[in-house]
All heavy atoms as atom14 arrays in JSON, in Angstrom:
{
  "sequence": "GFDCDTCGIITNIDEQSGDIALGVDQSLEAKAEGDSQLDNGA",
  "atom14_mask": [
    [1, 1, 1, 1, 0, 0, 0, 0, 0, 0, 0, 0, 0, 0],
    [1, 1, 1, 1, 1, 1, 1, 1, 1, 1, 1, 0, 0, 0],
    [1, 1, 1, 1, 1, 1, 1, 1, 0, 0, 0, 0, 0, 0],
    [1, 1, 1, 1, 1, 1, 0, 0, 0, 0, 0, 0, 0, 0],
    [1, 1, 1, 1, 1, 1, 1, 1, 0, 0, 0, 0, 0, 0],
    [1, 1, 1, 1, 1, 1, 1, 0, 0, 0, 0, 0, 0, 0],
    [1, 1, 1, 1, 1, 1, 0, 0, 0, 0, 0, 0, 0, 0],
    [1, 1, 1, 1, 0, 0, 0, 0, 0, 0, 0, 0, 0, 0],
    [1, 1, 1, 1, 1, 1, 1, 1, 0, 0, 0, 0, 0, 0],
    [1, 1, 1, 1, 1, 1, 1, 1, 0, 0, 0, 0, 0, 0],
    [1, 1, 1, 1, 1, 1, 1, 0, 0, 0, 0, 0, 0, 0],
    [1, 1, 1, 1, 1, 1, 1, 1, 0, 0, 0, 0, 0, 0],
    [1, 1, 1, 1, 1, 1, 1, 1, 0, 0, 0, 0, 0, 0],
    [1, 1, 1, 1, 1, 1, 1, 1, 0, 0, 0, 0, 0, 0],
    [1, 1, 1, 1, 1, 1, 1, 1, 1, 0, 0, 0, 0, 0],
    [1, 1, 1, 1, 1, 1, 1, 1, 1, 0, 0, 0, 0, 0],
    [1, 1, 1, 1, 1, 1, 0, 0, 0, 0, 0, 0, 0, 0],
    [1, 1, 1, 1, 0, 0, 0, 0, 0, 0, 0, 0, 0, 0],
    [1, 1, 1, 1, 1, 1, 1, 1, 0, 0, 0, 0, 0, 0],
    [1, 1, 1, 1, 1, 1, 1, 1, 0, 0, 0, 0, 0, 0],
    [1, 1, 1, 1, 1, 0, 0, 0, 0, 0, 0, 0, 0, 0],
    [1, 1, 1, 1, 1, 1, 1, 1, 0, 0, 0, 0, 0, 0],
    [1, 1, 1, 1, 0, 0, 0, 0, 0, 0, 0, 0, 0, 0],
    [1, 1, 1, 1, 1, 1, 1, 0, 0, 0, 0, 0, 0, 0],
    [1, 1, 1, 1, 1, 1, 1, 1, 0, 0, 0, 0, 0, 0],
    [1, 1, 1, 1, 1, 1, 1, 1, 1, 0, 0, 0, 0, 0],
    [1, 1, 1, 1, 1, 1, 0, 0, 0, 0, 0, 0, 0, 0],
    [1, 1, 1, 1, 1, 1, 1, 1, 0, 0, 0, 0, 0, 0],
    [1, 1, 1, 1, 1, 1, 1, 1, 1, 0, 0, 0, 0, 0],
    [1, 1, 1, 1, 1, 0, 0, 0, 0, 0, 0, 0, 0, 0],
    [1, 1, 1, 1, 1, 1, 1, 1, 1, 0, 0, 0, 0, 0],
    [1, 1, 1, 1, 1, 0, 0, 0, 0, 0, 0, 0, 0, 0],
    [1, 1, 1, 1, 1, 1, 1, 1, 1, 0, 0, 0, 0, 0],
    [1, 1, 1, 1, 0, 0, 0, 0, 0, 0, 0, 0, 0, 0],
    [1, 1, 1, 1, 1, 1, 1, 1, 0, 0, 0, 0, 0, 0],
    [1, 1, 1, 1, 1, 1, 0, 0, 0, 0, 0, 0, 0, 0],
    [1, 1, 1, 1, 1, 1, 1, 1, 1, 0, 0, 0, 0, 0],
    [1, 1, 1, 1, 1, 1, 1, 1, 0, 0, 0, 0, 0, 0],
    [1, 1, 1, 1, 1, 1, 1, 1, 0, 0, 0, 0, 0, 0],
    [1, 1, 1, 1, 1, 1, 1, 1, 0, 0, 0, 0, 0, 0],
    [1, 1, 1, 1, 0, 0, 0, 0, 0, 0, 0, 0, 0, 0],
    [1, 1, 1, 1, 1, 0, 0, 0, 0, 0, 0, 0, 0, 0]
  ],
  "atom14_positions": [
    [[-16.92, -25.32, -7.97], [-16.79, -23.92, -7.55], [-15.36, -23.51, -7.27], [-15.08, -22.32, -7.06], [0.0, 0.0, 0.0], [0.0, 0.0, 0.0], [0.0, 0.0, 0.0], [0.0, 0.0, 0.0], [0.0, 0.0, 0.0], [0.0, 0.0, 0.0], [0.0, 0.0, 0.0], [0.0, 0.0, 0.0], [0.0, 0.0, 0.0], [0.0, 0.0, 0.0]],
    [[-14.45, -24.49, -7.28], [-13.03, -24.19, -7.04], [-12.22, -25.34, -7.61], [-12.56, -26.51, -7.41], [-12.76, -24.03, -5.54], [-11.55, -23.19, -5.23], [-11.63, -21.81, -5.27], [-10.33, -23.77, -4.92], [-10.52, -21.02, -4.99], [-9.22, -22.99, -4.63], [-9.32, -21.61, -4.67], [0.0, 0.0, 0.0], [0.0, 0.0, 0.0], [0.0, 0.0, 0.0]],
    [[-11.13, -25.0, -8.3], [-10.34, -26.03, -8.99], [-8.86, -25.82, -8.67], [-8.3, -24.75, -8.91], [-10.57, -25.94, -10.5], [-9.75, -26.97, -11.28], [-9.22, -27.9, -10.65], [-9.65, -26.82, -12.51], [0.0, 0.0, 0.0], [0.0, 0.0, 0.0], [0.0, 0.0, 0.0], [0.0, 0.0, 0.0], [0.0, 0.0, 0.0], [0.0, 0.0, 0.0]],
    [[-8.22, -26.86, -8.14], [-6.83, -26.77, -7.72], [-5.89, -26.44, -8.88], [-4.84, -25.81, -8.67], [-6.4, -28.09, -7.07], [-6.57, -29.54, -8.15], [0.0, 0.0, 0.0], [0.0, 0.0, 0.0], [0.0, 0.0, 0.0], [0.0, 0.0, 0.0], [0.0, 0.0, 0.0], [0.0, 0.0, 0.0], [0.0, 0.0, 0.0], [0.0, 0.0, 0.0]],
    [[-6.23, -26.84, -10.09], [-5.32, -26.66, -11.22], [-5.48, -25.32, -11.92], [-4.54, -24.86, -12.59], [-5.53, -27.79, -12.24], [-5.1, -29.14, -11.69], [-4.02, -29.2, -11.07], [-5.84, -30.13, -11.86], [0.0, 0.0, 0.0], [0.0, 0.0, 0.0], [0.0, 0.0, 0.0], [0.0, 0.0, 0.0], [0.0, 0.0, 0.0], [0.0, 0.0, 0.0]],
    [[-6.64, -24.69, -11.79], [-6.87, -23.44, -12.53], [-7.0, -22.21, -11.65], [-7.05, -21.1, -12.16], [-8.15, -23.57, -13.39], [-9.28, -23.8, -12.53], [-8.03, -24.71, -14.39], [0.0, 0.0, 0.0], [0.0, 0.0, 0.0], [0.0, 0.0, 0.0], [0.0, 0.0, 0.0], [0.0, 0.0, 0.0], [0.0, 0.0, 0.0], [0.0, 0.0, 0.0]],
    [[-7.06, -22.39, -10.33], [-7.17, -21.21, -9.45], [-5.87, -20.4, -9.5], [-4.78, -20.93, -9.71], [-7.49, -21.62, -8.01], [-6.18, -22.52, -7.15], [0.0, 0.0, 0.0], [0.0, 0.0, 0.0], [0.0, 0.0, 0.0], [0.0, 0.0, 0.0], [0.0, 0.0, 0.0], [0.0, 0.0, 0.0], [0.0, 0.0, 0.0], [0.0, 0.0, 0.0]],
    [[-6.0, -19.1, -9.31], [-4.83, -18.24, -9.25], [-4.19, -18.32, -7.87], [-4.87, -18.48, -6.87], [0.0, 0.0, 0.0], [0.0, 0.0, 0.0], [0.0, 0.0, 0.0], [0.0, 0.0, 0.0], [0.0, 0.0, 0.0], [0.0, 0.0, 0.0], [0.0, 0.0, 0.0], [0.0, 0.0, 0.0], [0.0, 0.0, 0.0], [0.0, 0.0, 0.0]],
    [[-2.86, -18.24, -7.82], [-2.14, -18.26, -6.54], [-1.15, -17.11, -6.5], [-0.29, -16.98, -7.39], [-1.42, -19.6, -6.32], [-2.45, -20.74, -6.22], [-0.56, -19.54, -5.05], [-1.86, -22.11, -5.96], [0.0, 0.0, 0.0], [0.0, 0.0, 0.0], [0.0, 0.0, 0.0], [0.0, 0.0, 0.0], [0.0, 0.0, 0.0], [0.0, 0.0, 0.0]],
    [[-1.28, -16.26, -5.5], [-0.38, -15.13, -5.28], [0.43, -15.41, -4.03], [-0.12, -15.82, -3.0], [-1.17, -13.82, -5.11], [-2.0, -13.5, -6.36], [-0.24, -12.66, -4.78], [-2.96, -12.34, -6.18], [0.0, 0.0, 0.0], [0.0, 0.0, 0.0], [0.0, 0.0, 0.0], [0.0, 0.0, 0.0], [0.0, 0.0, 0.0], [0.0, 0.0, 0.0]],
    [[1.74, -15.2, -4.1], [2.58, -15.33, -2.91], [3.22, -13.98, -2.59], [3.65, -13.26, -3.48], [3.68, -16.39, -3.1], [4.5, -16.03, -4.21], [3.08, -17.76, -3.33], [0.0, 0.0, 0.0], [0.0, 0.0, 0.0], [0.0, 0.0, 0.0], [0.0, 0.0, 0.0], [0.0, 0.0, 0.0], [0.0, 0.0, 0.0], [0.0, 0.0, 0.0]],
    [[3.27, -13.68, -1.32], [3.81, -12.4, -0.85], [4.56, -12.68, 0.46], [3.99, -12.59, 1.54], [2.67, -11.4, -0.64], [3.16, -10.06, -0.16], [4.29, -9.69, -0.41], [2.31, -9.33, 0.56], [0.0, 0.0, 0.0], [0.0, 0.0, 0.0], [0.0, 0.0, 0.0], [0.0, 0.0, 0.0], [0.0, 0.0, 0.0], [0.0, 0.0, 0.0]],
    [[5.84, -13.08, 0.35], [6.6, -13.56, 1.49], [7.78, -12.63, 1.78], [8.54, -12.27, 0.88], [7.15, -14.98, 1.23], [6.0, -15.94, 0.86], [7.91, -15.49, 2.45], [4.97, -16.16, 1.93], [0.0, 0.0, 0.0], [0.0, 0.0, 0.0], [0.0, 0.0, 0.0], [0.0, 0.0, 0.0], [0.0, 0.0, 0.0], [0.0, 0.0, 0.0]],
    [[7.94, -12.27, 3.04], [9.09, -11.49, 3.51], [9.81, -12.34, 4.56], [9.34, -13.42, 4.93], [8.62, -10.16, 4.1], [9.72, -9.09, 4.07], [10.88, -9.45, 3.82], [9.39, -7.91, 4.31], [0.0, 0.0, 0.0], [0.0, 0.0, 0.0], [0.0, 0.0, 0.0], [0.0, 0.0, 0.0], [0.0, 0.0, 0.0], [0.0, 0.0, 0.0]],
    [[10.96, -11.87, 5.06], [11.67, -12.61, 6.11], [11.21, -12.14, 7.48], [10.61, -11.08, 7.63], [13.18, -12.41, 5.97], [13.66, -10.99, 6.18], [15.16, -10.87, 6.02], [15.82, -11.9, 5.79], [15.67, -9.74, 6.12], [0.0, 0.0, 0.0], [0.0, 0.0, 0.0], [0.0, 0.0, 0.0], [0.0, 0.0, 0.0], [0.0, 0.0, 0.0]],
    [[11.51, -12.96, 8.5], [11.16, -12.59, 9.87], [11.87, -11.3, 10.27], [13.04, -11.1, 9.95], [11.52, -13.7, 10.85], [11.1, -13.4, 12.29], [11.54, -14.47, 13.27], [12.73, -14.72, 13.42], [10.58, -15.09, 13.93], [0.0, 0.0, 0.0], [0.0, 0.0, 0.0], [0.0, 0.0, 0.0], [0.0, 0.0, 0.0], [0.0, 0.0, 0.0]],
    [[11.16, -10.44, 10.97], [11.74, -9.19, 11.46], [12.98, -9.46, 12.3], [12.98, -10.31, 13.2], [10.7, -8.44, 12.3], [11.31, -7.5, 13.14], [0.0, 0.0, 0.0], [0.0, 0.0, 0.0], [0.0, 0.0, 0.0], [0.0, 0.0, 0.0], [0.0, 0.0, 0.0], [0.0, 0.0, 0.0], [0.0, 0.0, 0.0], [0.0, 0.0, 0.0]],
    [[14.03, -8.72, 12.03], [15.25, -8.84, 12.82], [15.04, -8.47, 14.27], [15.7, -9.01, 15.17], [0.0, 0.0, 0.0], [0.0, 0.0, 0.0], [0.0, 0.0, 0.0], [0.0, 0.0, 0.0], [0.0, 0.0, 0.0], [0.0, 0.0, 0.0], [0.0, 0.0, 0.0], [0.0, 0.0, 0.0], [0.0, 0.0, 0.0], [0.0, 0.0, 0.0]],
    [[14.1, -7.57, 14.55], [13.82, -7.17, 15.93], [13.22, -8.34, 16.72], [13.53, -8.53, 17.9], [12.84, -5.99, 15.95], [13.46, -4.72, 15.38], [14.69, -4.7, 15.2], [12.71, -3.77, 15.12], [0.0, 0.0, 0.0], [0.0, 0.0, 0.0], [0.0, 0.0, 0.0], [0.0, 0.0, 0.0], [0.0, 0.0, 0.0], [0.0, 0.0, 0.0]],
    [[12.34, -9.12, 16.06], [11.77, -10.29, 16.72], [12.84, -11.35, 16.91], [12.96, -11.97, 17.98], [10.59, -10.85, 15.9], [9.43, -9.84, 15.88], [10.12, -12.19, 16.45], [8.28, -10.24, 14.97], [0.0, 0.0, 0.0], [0.0, 0.0, 0.0], [0.0, 0.0, 0.0], [0.0, 0.0, 0.0], [0.0, 0.0, 0.0], [0.0, 0.0, 0.0]],
    [[13.65, -11.57, 15.87], [14.68, -12.61, 15.94], [15.67, -12.38, 17.08], [16.19, -13.34, 17.66], [15.43, -12.69, 14.6], [0.0, 0.0, 0.0], [0.0, 0.0, 0.0], [0.0, 0.0, 0.0], [0.0, 0.0, 0.0], [0.0, 0.0, 0.0], [0.0, 0.0, 0.0], [0.0, 0.0, 0.0], [0.0, 0.0, 0.0], [0.0, 0.0, 0.0]],
    [[15.92, -11.11, 17.43], [16.85, -10.8, 18.52], [16.47, -11.51, 19.81], [17.32, -12.03, 20.54], [16.89, -9.29, 18.77], [17.74, -8.44, 17.83], [17.51, -6.96, 18.14], [19.22, -8.79, 17.98], [0.0, 0.0, 0.0], [0.0, 0.0, 0.0], [0.0, 0.0, 0.0], [0.0, 0.0, 0.0], [0.0, 0.0, 0.0], [0.0, 0.0, 0.0]],
    [[15.17, -11.52, 20.13], [14.71, -12.12, 21.37], [14.48, -13.61, 21.28], [14.57, -14.32, 22.28], [0.0, 0.0, 0.0], [0.0, 0.0, 0.0], [0.0, 0.0, 0.0], [0.0, 0.0, 0.0], [0.0, 0.0, 0.0], [0.0, 0.0, 0.0], [0.0, 0.0, 0.0], [0.0, 0.0, 0.0], [0.0, 0.0, 0.0], [0.0, 0.0, 0.0]],
    [[14.17, -14.11, 20.07], [13.92, -15.53, 19.91], [15.23, -16.31, 19.86], [15.38, -17.37, 20.45], [13.09, -15.79, 18.63], [12.87, -17.3, 18.44], [11.76, -15.07, 18.72], [0.0, 0.0, 0.0], [0.0, 0.0, 0.0], [0.0, 0.0, 0.0], [0.0, 0.0, 0.0], [0.0, 0.0, 0.0], [0.0, 0.0, 0.0], [0.0, 0.0, 0.0]],
    [[16.22, -15.77, 19.15], [17.51, -16.45, 19.02], [18.22, -16.59, 20.36], [18.84, -17.6, 20.65], [18.42, -15.68, 18.05], [17.9, -15.71, 16.62], [17.09, -16.6, 16.31], [18.31, -14.85, 15.82], [0.0, 0.0, 0.0], [0.0, 0.0, 0.0], [0.0, 0.0, 0.0], [0.0, 0.0, 0.0], [0.0, 0.0, 0.0], [0.0, 0.0, 0.0]],
    [[18.14, -15.54, 21.18], [18.78, -15.58, 22.5], [17.89, -14.85, 23.49], [17.61, -13.66, 23.35], [20.17, -14.93, 22.45], [20.96, -15.14, 23.75], [22.36, -14.58, 23.66], [22.57, -13.54, 23.04], [23.32, -15.25, 24.27], [0.0, 0.0, 0.0], [0.0, 0.0, 0.0], [0.0, 0.0, 0.0], [0.0, 0.0, 0.0], [0.0, 0.0, 0.0]],
    [[17.46, -15.58, 24.51], [16.52, -15.02, 25.47], [17.19, -13.98, 26.37], [18.42, -13.9, 26.47], [15.93, -16.13, 26.34], [16.92, -16.64, 27.22], [0.0, 0.0, 0.0], [0.0, 0.0, 0.0], [0.0, 0.0, 0.0], [0.0, 0.0, 0.0], [0.0, 0.0, 0.0], [0.0, 0.0, 0.0], [0.0, 0.0, 0.0], [0.0, 0.0, 0.0]],
    [[16.36, -13.2, 27.05], [16.86, -12.21, 28.01], [17.68, -12.89, 29.1], [18.73, -12.39, 29.51], [15.68, -11.45, 28.62], [16.02, -10.31, 29.57], [16.69, -9.17, 28.82], [14.76, -9.8, 30.26], [0.0, 0.0, 0.0], [0.0, 0.0, 0.0], [0.0, 0.0, 0.0], [0.0, 0.0, 0.0], [0.0, 0.0, 0.0], [0.0, 0.0, 0.0]],
    [[17.21, -14.07, 29.57], [17.94, -14.77, 30.62], [19.31, -15.22, 30.14], [20.3, -15.14, 30.85], [17.14, -16.01, 31.09], [15.8, -15.68, 31.71], [14.66, -15.86, 30.72], [14.83, -15.47, 29.55], [13.62, -16.38, 31.12], [0.0, 0.0, 0.0], [0.0, 0.0, 0.0], [0.0, 0.0, 0.0], [0.0, 0.0, 0.0], [0.0, 0.0, 0.0]],
    [[19.37, -15.71, 28.89], [20.65, -16.18, 28.35], [21.64, -15.03, 28.21], [22.83, -15.18, 28.47], [20.42, -16.87, 27.0], [0.0, 0.0, 0.0], [0.0, 0.0, 0.0], [0.0, 0.0, 0.0], [0.0, 0.0, 0.0], [0.0, 0.0, 0.0], [0.0, 0.0, 0.0], [0.0, 0.0, 0.0], [0.0, 0.0, 0.0], [0.0, 0.0, 0.0]],
    [[21.14, -13.88, 27.79], [22.01, -12.7, 27.67], [22.56, -12.27, 29.02], [23.71, -11.85, 29.15], [21.23, -11.55, 27.03], [20.85, -11.78, 25.57], [19.88, -10.73, 25.07], [19.41, -11.04, 23.66], [18.35, -10.13, 23.2], [0.0, 0.0, 0.0], [0.0, 0.0, 0.0], [0.0, 0.0, 0.0], [0.0, 0.0, 0.0], [0.0, 0.0, 0.0]],
    [[21.72, -12.41, 30.07], [22.13, -11.95, 31.4], [22.97, -12.99, 32.14], [23.9, -12.65, 32.85], [20.89, -11.61, 32.23], [0.0, 0.0, 0.0], [0.0, 0.0, 0.0], [0.0, 0.0, 0.0], [0.0, 0.0, 0.0], [0.0, 0.0, 0.0], [0.0, 0.0, 0.0], [0.0, 0.0, 0.0], [0.0, 0.0, 0.0], [0.0, 0.0, 0.0]],
    [[22.63, -14.29, 31.93], [23.23, -15.34, 32.75], [24.17, -16.25, 31.97], [24.87, -17.07, 32.57], [22.12, -16.19, 33.39], [21.16, -15.37, 34.25], [19.92, -16.17, 34.63], [19.99, -17.42, 34.58], [18.9, -15.56, 34.97], [0.0, 0.0, 0.0], [0.0, 0.0, 0.0], [0.0, 0.0, 0.0], [0.0, 0.0, 0.0], [0.0, 0.0, 0.0]],
    [[24.13, -16.16, 30.64], [24.98, -17.03, 29.84], [24.6, -18.48, 29.92], [25.43, -19.38, 29.75], [0.0, 0.0, 0.0], [0.0, 0.0, 0.0], [0.0, 0.0, 0.0], [0.0, 0.0, 0.0], [0.0, 0.0, 0.0], [0.0, 0.0, 0.0], [0.0, 0.0, 0.0], [0.0, 0.0, 0.0], [0.0, 0.0, 0.0], [0.0, 0.0, 0.0]],
    [[23.32, -18.77, 30.19], [22.83, -20.13, 30.32], [22.34, -20.62, 28.97], [21.31, -20.18, 28.47], [21.7, -20.18, 31.35], [21.23, -21.6, 31.64], [21.61, -22.52, 30.89], [20.49, -21.78, 32.62], [0.0, 0.0, 0.0], [0.0, 0.0, 0.0], [0.0, 0.0, 0.0], [0.0, 0.0, 0.0], [0.0, 0.0, 0.0], [0.0, 0.0, 0.0]],
    [[23.05, -21.57, 28.35], [22.68, -22.05, 27.03], [21.34, -22.78, 27.03], [20.7, -22.93, 26.0], [23.77, -22.98, 26.47], [23.9, -24.13, 27.3], [0.0, 0.0, 0.0], [0.0, 0.0, 0.0], [0.0, 0.0, 0.0], [0.0, 0.0, 0.0], [0.0, 0.0, 0.0], [0.0, 0.0, 0.0], [0.0, 0.0, 0.0], [0.0, 0.0, 0.0]],
    [[20.93, -23.3, 28.2], [19.64, -23.98, 28.28], [18.47, -23.02, 28.11], [17.34, -23.43, 27.93], [19.51, -24.7, 29.63], [20.5, -25.83, 29.81], [20.33, -26.92, 28.77], [19.22, -27.42, 28.57], [21.41, -27.27, 28.09], [0.0, 0.0, 0.0], [0.0, 0.0, 0.0], [0.0, 0.0, 0.0], [0.0, 0.0, 0.0], [0.0, 0.0, 0.0]],
    [[18.74, -21.74, 28.2], [17.7, -20.73, 28.07], [17.86, -19.93, 26.78], [17.43, -18.8, 26.7], [17.74, -19.78, 29.28], [17.38, -20.38, 30.63], [17.73, -19.42, 31.75], [15.91, -20.73, 30.69], [0.0, 0.0, 0.0], [0.0, 0.0, 0.0], [0.0, 0.0, 0.0], [0.0, 0.0, 0.0], [0.0, 0.0, 0.0], [0.0, 0.0, 0.0]],
    [[18.51, -20.53, 25.81], [18.87, -19.78, 24.6], [17.68, -19.14, 23.9], [17.76, -18.01, 23.45], [19.61, -20.68, 23.61], [21.13, -20.55, 23.77], [21.54, -19.7, 24.58], [21.85, -21.28, 23.1], [0.0, 0.0, 0.0], [0.0, 0.0, 0.0], [0.0, 0.0, 0.0], [0.0, 0.0, 0.0], [0.0, 0.0, 0.0], [0.0, 0.0, 0.0]],
    [[16.6, -19.88, 23.76], [15.47, -19.38, 22.97], [14.47, -18.64, 23.83], [13.95, -19.19, 24.8], [14.77, -20.53, 22.24], [15.67, -21.18, 21.21], [15.94, -22.37, 21.27], [16.14, -20.4, 20.26], [0.0, 0.0, 0.0], [0.0, 0.0, 0.0], [0.0, 0.0, 0.0], [0.0, 0.0, 0.0], [0.0, 0.0, 0.0], [0.0, 0.0, 0.0]],
    [[14.16, -17.41, 23.46], [13.11, -16.66, 24.12], [11.77, -16.92, 23.45], [11.69, -17.45, 22.35], [0.0, 0.0, 0.0], [0.0, 0.0, 0.0], [0.0, 0.0, 0.0], [0.0, 0.0, 0.0], [0.0, 0.0, 0.0], [0.0, 0.0, 0.0], [0.0, 0.0, 0.0], [0.0, 0.0, 0.0], [0.0, 0.0, 0.0], [0.0, 0.0, 0.0]],
    [[10.69, -16.54, 24.11], [9.36, -16.67, 23.53], [9.25, -15.79, 22.29], [9.78, -14.68, 22.26], [8.29, -16.29, 24.55], [0.0, 0.0, 0.0], [0.0, 0.0, 0.0], [0.0, 0.0, 0.0], [0.0, 0.0, 0.0], [0.0, 0.0, 0.0], [0.0, 0.0, 0.0], [0.0, 0.0, 0.0], [0.0, 0.0, 0.0], [0.0, 0.0, 0.0]]
  ]
}
């Protein structure tokens, strides 16, 4: 009912939103306190 070699595969990939990356790359605490240990935000 399904075959790895003959099934069709569609890919639709974009990059991570820059708005999200702003908070992940540097957390709110790191921006306020300059603490490198807190670099990554949720």
